[in-house]
């Protein structure tokens, strides 16, 4: 049964809604927040609420005219998580069941697990918990072999439990958290153990995560995206990482990737965009679980620009510069085509990026269509991969990679490509400064931007340095075709 309690002078206003008792002196209720206590005839405290205007959860309702309603009248919990601004168009439900009241027959579920530090784990549940079992350590276990020192409810939502460990987590090692015997505010109990993996993230170093793909000229009504890939063996937390531009040597226009804990595992791809739905529409093969929605991205011009990946501490983890001229010259239209990293282990230089295969146009959230496995250690000063190329844009052996491995930096290279009759068909590099590890590419086109004819070609690289050292490297490659 419901009873409306109000000032005696207001009883006539509330009588149409139900049973009313008017008090000669009704306590004032402060708009910003106050304490409300209910006593029986002996002075015993029956119920107590300490509310604030923040409980409305909507700014407009804080301005007045709306009541706060208890979500579940049988709740065993108290506080902000159990109250909400009325959803009845009149602004409240005096004398009637609350408009926000829910019938809860489901036990709480473990939704997320984070390692906050080496000795603290945060568990997030789908609904508020009864505080007594939630803070009993025998309802939790962490395996293998970690002892729990304490458990406490974190924050006011009653959905988060913080475990403190007696023995610390090891970085990037996978552990299992098991939960059982917890109750929600309606008394539903988790009768079946719930388990989730937890990993203490390692600190990132430059080059652990690289920019693996960028779409800067999307289809009409499409969206840009930037894909990153964890090429380390670490688990890394992307919380507070940023994507930015670089202008005049300075980091500009930074955009936060995630304000929440977000793990990126070894070998994992993540495509970051303002609309995963639009991306999935344009590229149906995109992996939905590897797409991350953000409110905005830095400016990626259709002609040229930069993309910088910045860690939570402000350190630059990877950076690329791009130009539309990097696209395969025989593309009829580069709109909707991404630039993909060729060698994940290779440097973040323009020569290590190429247009995505014509069969897919882009590969958000999964292995690049132009990806080439690392060439690995070698004693050769010039290594070609592959020995036969088919530059047709299908993503299979479209380009020739030239990997220079030199004993010291400072060599300057002039690289020319000759056909079988000894004619120069492509001047690939002229007086180009090489490092100890340098990656260049040939797209199979001639200096006239036409596809080289099928046949054998000679790669001739002339190297010299200021110390007078000179060396000529020569290798053969085949330009083939598919039938």
Protein backbone atom coordinates (compact mmCIF):
# COMPACT_ATOMS: atom_id res chain seq x y z
CA UNK A 1 0.00 0.00 0.00
CA UNK A 2 1.14 3.53 -0.80
CA UNK A 3 0.67 6.61 1.41
CA UNK A 4 1.36 10.20 0.32
CA UNK A 5 2.80 12.42 3.06
CA UNK A 6 2.74 16.17 2.47
CA UNK A 7 2.04 19.50 4.17
CA UNK A 8 -1.51 19.74 5.61
CA UNK A 9 -2.28 22.69 3.32
CA UNK A 10 -1.51 20.55 0.23
CA UNK A 11 -3.64 17.48 0.99
CA UNK A 12 -6.41 18.53 -1.40
CA UNK A 13 -3.88 18.68 -4.25
CA UNK A 14 -2.78 15.06 -3.68
CA UNK A 15 -6.12 13.40 -2.82
CA UNK A 16 -6.88 12.57 -6.50
CA UNK A 17 -3.78 10.33 -6.53
CA UNK A 18 -4.36 8.21 -3.43
CA UNK A 19 -4.35 8.10 0.36
CA UNK A 20 -2.87 11.27 1.88
CA UNK A 21 -1.74 12.37 5.33
CA UNK A 22 -1.01 16.06 5.86
CA UNK A 23 1.53 17.21 8.45
CA UNK A 24 1.11 20.50 10.27
CA UNK A 25 4.84 21.13 9.79
CA UNK A 26 6.38 19.42 6.80
CA UNK A 27 10.21 19.34 6.71
CA UNK A 28 11.93 21.39 4.01
CA UNK A 29 13.74 19.42 1.31
CA UNK A 30 16.76 21.22 -0.10
CA UNK A 31 16.95 21.22 -3.93
CA UNK A 32 20.66 20.37 -4.04
CA UNK A 33 20.43 17.53 -1.53
CA UNK A 34 19.30 16.63 1.95
CA UNK A 35 18.69 13.87 4.51
CA UNK A 36 15.24 12.30 4.87
CA UNK A 37 14.57 10.03 7.89
CA UNK A 38 11.50 7.95 8.70
CA UNK A 39 10.83 6.94 12.36
CA UNK A 40 8.18 4.76 13.99
CA UNK A 41 6.09 5.82 17.02
CA UNK A 42 8.86 4.79 19.44
CA UNK A 43 11.50 6.87 17.71
CA UNK A 44 13.15 3.91 15.98
CA UNK A 45 14.70 4.71 12.59
CA UNK A 46 12.78 2.84 9.86
CA UNK A 47 14.45 4.22 6.71
CA UNK A 48 16.95 6.86 5.69
CA UNK A 49 17.82 8.55 2.40
CA UNK A 50 20.61 11.07 1.80
CA UNK A 51 19.83 12.32 -1.71
CA UNK A 52 21.54 14.79 -4.05
CA UNK A 53 20.34 16.41 -7.26
CA UNK A 54 22.92 14.32 -9.15
CA UNK A 55 20.66 11.30 -8.63
CA UNK A 56 18.33 12.61 -11.35
CA UNK A 57 20.94 11.56 -13.97
CA UNK A 58 19.47 14.20 -16.32
CA UNK A 59 20.34 17.88 -16.15
CA UNK A 60 16.86 19.06 -17.19
CA UNK A 61 15.18 17.21 -14.32
CA UNK A 62 17.45 18.85 -11.76
CA UNK A 63 15.81 22.19 -12.54
CA UNK A 64 12.61 21.20 -10.72
CA UNK A 65 9.21 19.61 -11.18
CA UNK A 66 10.40 15.99 -11.13
CA UNK A 67 10.48 13.52 -8.26
CA UNK A 68 13.18 10.99 -7.44
CA UNK A 69 11.84 7.43 -7.50
CA UNK A 70 13.15 4.22 -5.98
CA UNK A 71 13.97 1.72 -8.73
CA UNK A 72 13.20 -1.38 -6.67
CA UNK A 73 11.12 -1.04 -3.48
CA UNK A 74 12.40 -4.44 -2.30
CA UNK A 75 16.03 -3.48 -2.78
CA UNK A 76 18.54 -4.50 -0.13
CA UNK A 77 20.82 -1.65 -1.25
CA UNK A 78 20.81 2.10 -0.74
CA UNK A 79 22.30 5.14 -2.37
CA UNK A 80 22.46 6.73 -5.80
CA UNK A 81 22.37 3.45 -7.73
CA UNK A 82 18.84 2.75 -6.44
CA UNK A 83 17.22 6.05 -7.43
CA UNK A 84 16.34 7.81 -10.66
CA UNK A 85 14.34 10.79 -11.89
CA UNK A 86 10.70 9.90 -12.60
CA UNK A 87 9.86 8.91 -16.17
CA UNK A 88 6.14 9.69 -15.79
CA UNK A 89 5.11 12.67 -17.99
CA UNK A 90 3.50 14.32 -14.93
CA UNK A 91 6.92 14.42 -13.26
CA UNK A 92 6.15 11.87 -10.52
CA UNK A 93 3.89 9.02 -9.37
CA UNK A 94 2.45 9.91 -5.93
CA UNK A 95 0.28 7.11 -4.55
CA UNK A 96 1.15 4.76 -7.45
CA UNK A 97 3.92 2.31 -8.39
CA UNK A 98 7.05 4.16 -9.41
CA UNK A 99 7.51 4.70 -13.15
CA UNK A 100 11.15 3.58 -12.98
CA UNK A 101 10.43 0.43 -10.98
CA UNK A 102 11.98 -2.73 -12.43
CA UNK A 103 11.35 -6.39 -11.72
CA UNK A 104 14.74 -8.05 -11.40
CA UNK A 105 14.92 -11.83 -11.54
CA UNK A 106 18.48 -12.10 -12.84
CA UNK A 107 21.66 -12.52 -10.83
CA UNK A 108 24.49 -10.02 -11.37
CA UNK A 109 26.97 -10.87 -14.12
CA UNK A 110 30.67 -10.15 -14.26
CA UNK A 111 31.00 -7.72 -17.19
CA UNK A 112 34.63 -6.51 -17.16
CA UNK A 113 37.87 -7.13 -15.30
CA UNK A 114 40.86 -4.75 -15.20
CA UNK A 115 44.24 -4.86 -13.52
CA UNK A 116 44.60 -1.40 -11.98
CA UNK A 117 48.10 -2.14 -10.70
CA UNK A 118 50.23 -5.14 -9.81
CA UNK A 119 48.19 -5.75 -6.63
CA UNK A 120 44.73 -4.35 -7.47
CA UNK A 121 42.03 -5.78 -9.74
CA UNK A 122 38.76 -4.03 -10.55
CA UNK A 123 35.67 -6.16 -11.23
CA UNK A 124 32.68 -4.49 -12.90
CA UNK A 125 29.23 -6.09 -12.70
CA UNK A 126 26.07 -5.54 -14.72
CA UNK A 127 24.05 -4.24 -11.75
CA UNK A 128 24.48 -3.00 -8.16
CA UNK A 129 25.56 -5.57 -5.58
CA UNK A 130 24.56 -6.34 -2.02
CA UNK A 131 27.51 -4.90 -0.12
CA UNK A 132 27.89 -7.71 2.43
CA UNK A 133 28.75 -10.68 0.15
CA UNK A 134 30.47 -8.32 -2.30
CA UNK A 135 33.14 -7.59 0.32
CA UNK A 136 33.79 -11.18 1.43
CA UNK A 137 37.06 -12.43 -0.06
CA UNK A 138 35.97 -16.08 -0.05
CA UNK A 139 33.59 -15.21 -2.92
CA UNK A 140 36.57 -14.58 -5.20
CA UNK A 141 39.69 -16.40 -6.41
CA UNK A 142 42.56 -15.49 -8.73
CA UNK A 143 44.51 -18.31 -10.35
CA UNK A 144 47.15 -19.44 -10.69
CA UNK A 145 48.17 -19.11 -7.08
CA UNK A 146 47.36 -15.55 -6.00
CA UNK A 147 45.99 -14.78 -2.53
CA UNK A 148 43.34 -12.08 -2.08
CA UNK A 149 43.95 -9.74 0.82
CA UNK A 150 40.71 -7.71 0.73
CA UNK A 151 37.62 -6.88 -1.33
CA UNK A 152 35.75 -3.59 -1.24
CA UNK A 153 33.05 -1.78 -3.19
CA UNK A 154 34.60 1.03 -5.21
CA UNK A 155 32.61 4.20 -5.97
CA UNK A 156 28.93 4.84 -5.31
CA UNK A 157 27.37 2.78 -8.11
CA UNK A 158 27.74 -0.52 -6.17
CA UNK A 159 28.73 -2.20 -9.46
CA UNK A 160 32.51 -2.14 -8.97
CA UNK A 161 34.54 -4.35 -6.63
CA UNK A 162 38.23 -3.72 -6.01
CA UNK A 163 40.34 -6.73 -5.02
CA UNK A 164 43.66 -6.16 -3.28
CA UNK A 165 46.14 -9.00 -3.73
CA UNK A 166 48.66 -10.25 -1.19
CA UNK A 167 50.95 -11.37 -4.03
CA UNK A 168 51.44 -9.20 -7.14
CA UNK A 169 50.47 -9.92 -10.73
CA UNK A 170 53.26 -10.47 -13.25
CA UNK A 171 53.10 -8.18 -16.28
CA UNK A 172 51.53 -9.62 -19.46
CA UNK A 173 50.74 -12.95 -17.78
CA UNK A 174 47.16 -14.20 -18.11
CA UNK A 175 45.27 -14.93 -14.87
CA UNK A 176 41.72 -16.11 -14.23
CA UNK A 177 39.34 -14.40 -11.80
CA UNK A 178 36.45 -16.56 -10.50
CA UNK A 179 33.39 -15.08 -8.76
CA UNK A 180 30.59 -16.90 -6.94
CA UNK A 181 27.97 -16.27 -4.24
CA UNK A 182 27.35 -12.58 -4.92
CA UNK A 183 23.88 -11.03 -4.62
CA UNK A 184 22.28 -8.09 -6.33
CA UNK A 185 20.04 -5.61 -4.51
CA UNK A 186 16.96 -7.72 -5.26
CA UNK A 187 18.53 -10.77 -3.59
CA UNK A 188 19.35 -12.75 -6.77
CA UNK A 189 22.44 -14.91 -6.14
CA UNK A 190 25.18 -15.98 -8.57
CA UNK A 191 24.81 -19.74 -8.11
CA UNK A 192 27.16 -20.65 -11.00
CA UNK A 193 30.83 -19.56 -10.88
CA UNK A 194 31.68 -16.79 -13.34
CA UNK A 195 35.20 -16.54 -14.74
CA UNK A 196 37.11 -13.90 -16.69
CA UNK A 197 40.73 -13.42 -17.74
CA UNK A 198 42.82 -10.57 -16.39
CA UNK A 199 46.23 -9.33 -17.51
CA UNK A 200 48.48 -6.68 -15.98
CA UNK A 201 49.45 -4.48 -18.93
CA UNK A 202 53.10 -3.73 -19.60
CA UNK A 203 54.48 -0.25 -20.21
CA UNK A 204 54.68 0.52 -23.94
CA UNK A 205 57.86 1.42 -25.76
CA UNK A 206 58.10 3.24 -29.10
CA UNK A 207 57.52 0.75 -31.89
CA UNK A 208 55.54 -1.76 -29.79
CA UNK A 209 52.36 -0.60 -31.52
CA UNK A 210 52.50 0.70 -35.09
CA UNK A 211 50.12 2.39 -37.50
CA UNK A 212 49.28 -0.40 -39.91
CA UNK A 213 46.67 1.21 -42.19
CA UNK A 214 45.08 4.57 -42.91
CA UNK A 215 42.06 5.59 -44.97
CA UNK A 216 42.19 9.34 -45.55
CA UNK A 217 40.03 9.60 -48.69
CA UNK A 218 36.84 7.65 -47.93
CA UNK A 219 33.88 6.97 -50.18
CA UNK A 220 31.11 9.63 -50.30
CA UNK A 221 29.27 9.46 -46.95
CA UNK A 222 32.06 7.19 -45.70
CA UNK A 223 34.46 7.76 -42.80
CA UNK A 224 38.21 7.87 -42.25
CA UNK A 225 39.91 5.22 -40.14
CA UNK A 226 43.33 4.60 -38.65
CA UNK A 227 44.37 1.05 -37.82
CA UNK A 228 47.00 0.17 -35.25
CA UNK A 229 48.63 -3.19 -34.57
CA UNK A 230 50.45 -4.52 -31.50
CA UNK A 231 53.59 -6.15 -32.90
CA UNK A 232 55.08 -6.74 -29.44
CA UNK A 233 54.56 -9.68 -27.12
CA UNK A 234 53.02 -7.42 -24.47
CA UNK A 235 49.48 -6.68 -23.36
CA UNK A 236 49.10 -2.89 -23.51
CA UNK A 237 46.44 -0.60 -22.01
CA UNK A 238 45.23 2.04 -24.52
CA UNK A 239 43.60 4.20 -21.83
CA UNK A 240 44.41 7.87 -22.50
CA UNK A 241 46.39 7.11 -25.68
CA UNK A 242 45.85 9.63 -28.45
CA UNK A 243 45.92 9.99 -32.23
CA UNK A 244 47.24 13.32 -33.45
CA UNK A 245 48.74 15.27 -36.34
CA UNK A 246 52.15 16.92 -36.57
CA UNK A 247 52.48 20.47 -37.84
CA UNK A 248 55.69 22.51 -37.92
CA UNK A 249 57.33 19.86 -35.73
CA UNK A 250 54.65 20.01 -33.02
CA UNK A 251 52.00 17.48 -32.01
CA UNK A 252 48.59 19.00 -32.81
CA UNK A 253 44.91 18.13 -32.70
CA UNK A 254 45.21 15.14 -30.32
CA UNK A 255 42.14 12.90 -29.96
CA UNK A 256 41.78 10.42 -27.10
CA UNK A 257 41.38 6.79 -28.20
CA UNK A 258 39.78 5.60 -24.96
CA UNK A 259 39.06 7.10 -21.55
CA UNK A 260 38.41 3.60 -20.20
CA UNK A 261 40.78 0.67 -19.73
CA UNK A 262 41.21 -1.01 -23.12
CA UNK A 263 43.67 -3.86 -23.61
CA UNK A 264 45.44 -4.50 -26.91
CA UNK A 265 46.92 -7.98 -26.99
CA UNK A 266 49.98 -9.25 -28.88
CA UNK A 267 49.30 -9.41 -32.61
CA UNK A 268 45.94 -7.64 -32.25
CA UNK A 269 44.63 -5.11 -34.79
CA UNK A 270 42.34 -2.20 -33.91
CA UNK A 271 40.71 0.10 -36.46
CA UNK A 272 39.70 3.46 -34.96
CA UNK A 273 36.89 5.42 -36.62
CA UNK A 274 33.97 7.71 -35.90
CA UNK A 275 31.43 5.20 -37.26
CA UNK A 276 32.06 1.43 -37.21
CA UNK A 277 28.63 1.02 -38.82
CA UNK A 278 29.59 3.13 -41.86
CA UNK A 279 32.94 1.34 -42.09
CA UNK A 280 31.28 -2.07 -41.97
CA UNK A 281 28.88 -0.98 -44.71
CA UNK A 282 31.72 0.02 -47.06
CA UNK A 283 33.98 -2.91 -46.09
CA UNK A 284 31.82 -5.93 -45.14
CA UNK A 285 34.87 -8.04 -44.24
CA UNK A 286 35.82 -5.60 -41.45
CA UNK A 287 36.10 -7.41 -38.10
CA UNK A 288 33.45 -5.83 -35.87
CA UNK A 289 35.20 -6.79 -32.63
CA UNK A 290 38.33 -4.96 -33.80
CA UNK A 291 36.57 -1.67 -34.62
CA UNK A 292 36.59 1.13 -32.05
CA UNK A 293 34.23 4.10 -32.18
CA UNK A 294 35.60 7.51 -31.14
CA UNK A 295 33.83 10.85 -31.12
CA UNK A 296 36.34 12.44 -33.51
CA UNK A 297 39.62 11.84 -35.34
CA UNK A 298 42.40 14.29 -36.21
CA UNK A 299 42.21 15.89 -39.64
CA UNK A 300 43.39 13.51 -42.38
CA UNK A 301 43.57 15.51 -45.61
CA UNK A 302 42.79 13.74 -48.89
CA UNK A 303 46.07 14.99 -50.38
CA UNK A 304 48.75 14.62 -47.71
CA UNK A 305 49.14 14.58 -43.96
CA UNK A 306 50.51 12.94 -40.85
CA UNK A 307 49.26 10.55 -38.21
CA UNK A 308 50.93 10.28 -34.81
CA UNK A 309 50.22 7.66 -32.12
CA UNK A 310 50.86 9.10 -28.65
CA UNK A 311 51.00 7.14 -25.38
CA UNK A 312 49.31 8.12 -22.11
CA UNK A 313 52.55 9.75 -20.94
CA UNK A 314 52.84 11.88 -24.10
CA UNK A 315 55.58 9.79 -25.72
CA UNK A 316 55.36 9.25 -29.48
CA UNK A 317 54.92 5.52 -30.11
CA UNK A 318 54.67 5.63 -33.91
CA UNK A 319 54.28 8.21 -36.67
CA UNK A 320 53.70 8.19 -40.41
CA UNK A 321 53.51 10.75 -43.21
CA UNK A 322 51.33 9.98 -46.21
CA UNK A 323 50.58 11.43 -49.65
CA UNK A 324 47.93 10.53 -52.19
CA UNK A 325 50.80 10.01 -54.67
CA UNK A 326 51.79 6.88 -52.71
CA UNK A 327 48.79 5.06 -54.18
CA UNK A 328 49.41 2.59 -57.00
CA UNK A 329 49.69 4.70 -60.14
CA UNK A 330 47.40 2.47 -62.22
CA UNK A 331 44.48 2.91 -59.81
CA UNK A 332 41.60 4.51 -61.67
CA UNK A 333 40.31 6.08 -58.47
CA UNK A 334 41.94 6.04 -55.03
CA UNK A 335 38.69 7.07 -53.31
CA UNK A 336 37.85 4.49 -50.64
CA UNK A 337 41.25 2.79 -50.92
CA UNK A 338 43.50 2.68 -47.86
CA UNK A 339 47.27 2.74 -47.60
CA UNK A 340 48.49 -0.44 -45.89
CA UNK A 341 51.72 -1.20 -44.11
CA UNK A 342 53.62 -3.86 -46.06
CA UNK A 343 56.10 -5.14 -43.49
CA UNK A 344 54.84 -4.95 -39.91
CA UNK A 345 58.39 -5.32 -38.66
CA UNK A 346 59.63 -2.67 -41.07
CA UNK A 347 60.02 1.07 -40.50
CA UNK A 348 57.22 3.65 -40.61
CA UNK A 349 58.33 5.18 -43.91
CA UNK A 350 56.34 5.84 -47.12
CA UNK A 351 58.15 3.05 -48.95
CA UNK A 352 56.66 0.55 -46.47
CA UNK A 353 53.06 1.46 -47.44
CA UNK A 354 51.05 0.56 -50.53
CA UNK A 355 47.46 0.74 -51.77
CA UNK A 356 45.24 -2.04 -50.46
CA UNK A 357 44.35 -4.78 -52.91
CA UNK A 358 41.67 -3.92 -55.46
CA UNK A 359 39.64 -6.93 -54.29
CA UNK A 360 39.07 -5.43 -50.82
CA UNK A 361 40.00 -1.70 -51.01
CA UNK A 362 40.76 -1.72 -47.25
CA UNK A 363 41.18 -4.24 -44.42
CA UNK A 364 39.97 -2.62 -41.17
CA UNK A 365 40.58 -4.81 -38.14
CA UNK A 366 42.51 -7.65 -39.78
CA UNK A 367 45.73 -8.56 -41.63
CA UNK A 368 46.58 -6.18 -44.45
CA UNK A 369 46.03 -7.39 -47.99
CA UNK A 370 49.54 -6.19 -48.88
CA UNK A 371 51.17 -7.59 -45.72
CA UNK A 372 54.51 -9.27 -46.24
CA UNK A 373 56.14 -11.44 -43.59
CA UNK A 374 59.38 -10.12 -42.15
CA UNK A 375 62.42 -10.97 -44.27
CA UNK A 376 64.39 -11.84 -41.16
CA UNK A 377 68.12 -11.61 -40.44
CA UNK A 378 70.38 -11.82 -43.47
CA UNK A 379 74.03 -11.45 -44.39
CA UNK A 380 73.10 -10.17 -47.86
CA UNK A 381 73.46 -6.43 -48.36
CA UNK A 382 70.48 -6.43 -50.74
CA UNK A 383 67.55 -8.83 -50.38
CA UNK A 384 64.61 -8.89 -52.82
CA UNK A 385 61.17 -10.16 -51.88
CA UNK A 386 59.53 -11.79 -53.75
CA UNK A 387 61.68 -12.86 -56.69
CA UNK A 388 58.64 -12.73 -58.97
CA UNK A 389 56.08 -9.91 -58.86
CA UNK A 390 52.67 -9.55 -60.50
CA UNK A 391 51.77 -5.84 -60.25
CA UNK A 392 48.04 -6.12 -60.92
CA UNK A 393 46.65 -4.73 -57.65
CA UNK A 394 45.14 -8.00 -56.43
CA UNK A 395 47.16 -8.01 -53.22
CA UNK A 396 49.34 -10.98 -54.20
CA UNK A 397 53.00 -10.11 -54.90
CA UNK A 398 52.03 -6.69 -56.24
CA UNK A 399 55.31 -5.02 -55.32
CA UNK A 400 59.00 -5.76 -54.97
CA UNK A 401 60.59 -4.98 -51.62
CA UNK A 402 64.28 -4.08 -51.59
CA UNK A 403 65.82 -4.53 -48.15
CA UNK A 404 69.31 -3.04 -47.68
CA UNK A 405 71.31 -4.35 -44.71
CA UNK A 406 74.58 -2.44 -44.47
CA UNK A 407 77.45 -2.54 -41.95
CA UNK A 408 77.17 1.20 -41.32
CA UNK A 409 75.00 4.18 -42.10
CA UNK A 410 76.01 6.92 -44.52
CA UNK A 411 75.91 5.11 -47.85
CA UNK A 412 74.27 6.91 -50.77
CA UNK A 413 72.52 4.76 -53.38
CA UNK A 414 71.57 5.15 -57.02
CA UNK A 415 69.20 2.37 -58.04
CA UNK A 416 68.18 1.58 -61.61
CA UNK A 417 66.14 -1.22 -63.13
CA UNK A 418 67.09 -2.65 -66.52
CA UNK A 419 65.15 -4.94 -68.82
CA UNK A 420 66.65 -8.08 -70.37
CA UNK A 421 68.01 -6.01 -73.30
CA UNK A 422 69.94 -3.67 -71.00
CA UNK A 423 67.61 -0.68 -71.26
CA UNK A 424 66.82 1.43 -68.20
CA UNK A 425 63.09 1.14 -67.50
CA UNK A 426 62.98 2.74 -64.03
CA UNK A 427 65.26 5.04 -62.07
CA UNK A 428 64.16 4.00 -58.59
CA UNK A 429 66.49 6.16 -56.51
CA UNK A 430 69.11 8.81 -57.15
CA UNK A 431 71.64 9.69 -54.47
CA UNK A 432 69.32 8.37 -51.76
CA UNK A 433 70.84 8.24 -48.27
CA UNK A 434 70.56 4.76 -46.72
CA UNK A 435 70.68 3.68 -43.11
CA UNK A 436 71.90 0.37 -41.78
CA UNK A 437 68.38 -0.99 -42.41
CA UNK A 438 66.50 0.54 -45.34
CA UNK A 439 63.37 -0.60 -47.15
CA UNK A 440 62.47 0.52 -50.68
CA UNK A 441 59.84 -0.73 -53.10
CA UNK A 442 59.26 -1.09 -56.85
CA UNK A 443 55.64 -1.15 -57.96
CA UNK A 444 56.41 -2.80 -61.31
CA UNK A 445 55.95 0.41 -63.29
CA UNK A 446 58.34 2.12 -65.69
CA UNK A 447 59.45 5.75 -65.59
CA UNK A 448 56.54 6.44 -67.98
CA UNK A 449 54.10 5.09 -65.33
CA UNK A 450 53.16 2.12 -67.50
CA UNK A 451 53.27 -1.49 -66.37
CA UNK A 452 56.59 -3.17 -67.12
CA UNK A 453 56.37 -5.94 -69.73
CA UNK A 454 56.54 -9.55 -68.60
CA UNK A 455 60.11 -10.82 -68.35
CA UNK A 456 63.40 -10.65 -66.48
CA UNK A 457 64.75 -7.43 -64.99
CA UNK A 458 68.07 -6.46 -63.40
CA UNK A 459 68.16 -4.43 -60.17
CA UNK A 460 71.42 -2.45 -60.14
CA UNK A 461 72.31 -0.56 -56.99
CA UNK A 462 75.46 1.61 -56.87
CA UNK A 463 76.52 2.52 -53.32
CA UNK A 464 79.22 4.93 -52.13
CA UNK A 465 80.03 6.95 -49.01
CA UNK A 466 82.18 9.94 -48.07
CA UNK A 467 85.03 7.63 -47.03
CA UNK A 468 85.47 6.59 -50.65
CA UNK A 469 83.90 3.16 -50.30
CA UNK A 470 82.01 2.07 -53.43
CA UNK A 471 80.03 -1.08 -54.13
CA UNK A 472 77.74 -2.33 -56.89
CA UNK A 473 74.93 -4.74 -56.00
CA UNK A 474 73.07 -6.58 -58.75
CA UNK A 475 70.12 -8.98 -58.58
CA UNK A 476 67.43 -10.35 -60.89
CA UNK A 477 63.66 -10.18 -60.56
CA UNK A 478 60.84 -11.44 -62.76
CA UNK A 479 57.71 -9.47 -63.68
CA UNK A 480 54.98 -12.01 -64.27
CA UNK A 481 51.25 -12.12 -64.86
CA UNK A 482 48.29 -14.21 -63.76
CA UNK A 483 46.02 -15.96 -66.18
